[in-house]
Amino acid sequence: MFGRVAAVVHHGGAGTTTTAARAGIPQVVLPQHYDQHYWARRVDKLGIGVAHLGRIAADSLAASLSRTLEPAVADRARSLATALRTDGVRSAARHLMDPTRGSWGVIA
């Protein structure tokens, strides 16, 4: 679904943030709790969207969405999507199971 939209406006959960990033879609992140603030700031720092911090109002949300829809942000989101790894779980499991990889090989 994300591949069919111009931008994603969401709460900033790790799963939604990752899914939007993998799809190469710019994001407006409206964090409410816990790690959502981290992900909002990370999206903003990476230049793939906007962290909408503070009070949510129609005019401020429209401004965040307008910034997110700028061509440079969309280009950056598409570019970053091609660089994201998709083998994280497989890689971590290999590290855990291989005792030759130093301290990672701790599971018998």
Protein backbone atom coordinates (compact mmCIF):
# COMPACT_ATOMS: atom_id res chain seq x y z
CA MET A 1 0.00 0.00 0.00
CA PHE A 2 2.78 2.48 0.85
CA GLY A 3 4.09 2.31 -2.69
CA ARG A 4 0.85 3.89 -3.91
CA VAL A 5 0.94 7.10 -1.82
CA ALA A 6 2.91 10.34 -2.04
CA ALA A 7 3.66 10.41 1.71
CA VAL A 8 2.83 8.54 4.90
CA VAL A 9 1.59 10.27 8.05
CA HIS A 10 1.94 7.99 11.07
CA HIS A 11 2.65 7.66 14.79
CA GLY A 12 6.31 6.69 14.50
CA GLY A 13 6.29 3.06 15.55
CA ALA A 14 9.37 1.12 14.53
CA GLY A 15 7.42 -1.14 12.15
CA THR A 16 5.59 1.64 10.35
CA THR A 17 8.73 3.77 10.11
CA THR A 18 10.69 0.85 8.65
CA THR A 19 7.93 -0.11 6.22
CA ALA A 20 7.68 3.45 4.89
CA ALA A 21 11.47 3.72 4.63
CA ARG A 22 11.73 0.42 2.74
CA ALA A 23 9.00 1.60 0.38
CA GLY A 24 10.95 4.81 -0.29
CA ILE A 25 8.03 6.99 0.78
CA PRO A 26 8.53 10.34 2.57
CA GLN A 27 7.06 10.45 6.08
CA VAL A 28 5.48 12.82 8.55
CA VAL A 29 5.92 11.29 11.99
CA LEU A 30 3.58 12.36 14.81
CA PRO A 31 5.15 10.67 17.87
CA GLN A 32 3.05 10.13 20.95
CA HIS A 33 4.96 7.79 23.28
CA TYR A 34 8.27 6.10 24.04
CA ASP A 35 10.49 5.18 21.08
CA GLN A 36 8.25 7.00 18.59
CA HIS A 37 10.12 10.24 19.41
CA TYR A 38 13.42 8.55 18.54
CA TRP A 39 12.08 7.33 15.18
CA ALA A 40 10.58 10.75 14.39
CA ARG A 41 13.90 12.47 14.98
CA ARG A 42 15.73 9.78 13.01
CA VAL A 43 13.42 10.24 9.99
CA ASP A 44 14.02 14.00 10.18
CA LYS A 45 17.80 13.66 10.55
CA LEU A 46 17.99 11.24 7.60
CA GLY A 47 16.07 13.73 5.47
CA ILE A 48 13.37 11.21 4.52
CA GLY A 49 10.55 13.10 6.19
CA VAL A 50 9.58 15.43 8.99
CA ALA A 51 9.31 14.95 12.74
CA HIS A 52 6.11 16.76 13.72
CA LEU A 53 6.80 17.42 17.38
CA GLY A 54 4.50 19.29 19.70
CA ARG A 55 0.87 20.20 19.31
CA ILE A 56 -0.93 18.87 16.24
CA ALA A 57 -3.09 21.42 14.46
CA ALA A 58 -4.36 21.59 10.89
CA ASP A 59 -1.96 24.37 9.88
CA SER A 60 1.14 22.80 11.46
CA LEU A 61 0.32 19.38 10.00
CA ALA A 62 -0.19 20.96 6.58
CA ALA A 63 3.21 22.68 6.89
CA SER A 64 4.91 19.38 7.82
CA LEU A 65 3.24 17.59 4.95
CA SER A 66 4.22 20.37 2.55
CA ARG A 67 7.88 20.05 3.60
CA THR A 68 7.69 16.27 3.29
CA LEU A 69 6.37 16.51 -0.26
CA GLU A 70 9.33 18.59 -1.44
CA PRO A 71 11.15 16.80 -4.29
CA ALA A 72 14.44 16.60 -2.38
CA VAL A 73 12.79 14.70 0.49
CA ALA A 74 11.11 12.25 -1.89
CA ASP A 75 14.41 11.74 -3.74
CA ARG A 76 16.23 11.10 -0.45
CA ALA A 77 13.55 8.62 0.69
CA ARG A 78 13.81 6.67 -2.58
CA SER A 79 17.58 6.69 -2.41
CA LEU A 80 17.72 5.48 1.17
CA ALA A 81 15.25 2.67 0.44
CA THR A 82 17.75 1.04 -1.91
CA ALA A 83 20.43 1.06 0.80
CA LEU A 84 18.38 -0.55 3.60
CA ARG A 85 19.33 -4.06 4.62
CA THR A 86 16.63 -6.70 4.69
CA ASP A 87 18.68 -9.53 6.17
CA GLY A 88 18.97 -8.27 9.75
CA VAL A 89 17.37 -11.26 11.45
CA ARG A 90 19.29 -13.76 9.35
CA SER A 91 22.55 -11.94 10.02
CA ALA A 92 21.93 -11.79 13.78
CA ALA A 93 21.08 -15.50 13.89
CA ARG A 94 24.29 -16.36 12.05
CA HIS A 95 26.29 -14.32 14.56
CA LEU A 96 24.60 -16.01 17.51
CA MET A 97 25.13 -19.51 16.20
CA ASP A 98 28.74 -19.14 14.98
CA PRO A 99 31.27 -19.39 17.85
CA THR A 100 34.08 -18.15 15.56
CA ARG A 101 32.49 -14.69 15.58
CA GLY A 102 33.78 -13.81 19.03
CA SER A 103 31.41 -12.96 21.86
CA TRP A 104 28.34 -13.44 19.65
CA GLY A 105 28.78 -17.21 19.68
CA VAL A 106 27.29 -17.66 23.14
CA ILE A 107 24.33 -19.95 22.37
CA ALA A 108 25.04 -23.65 22.61
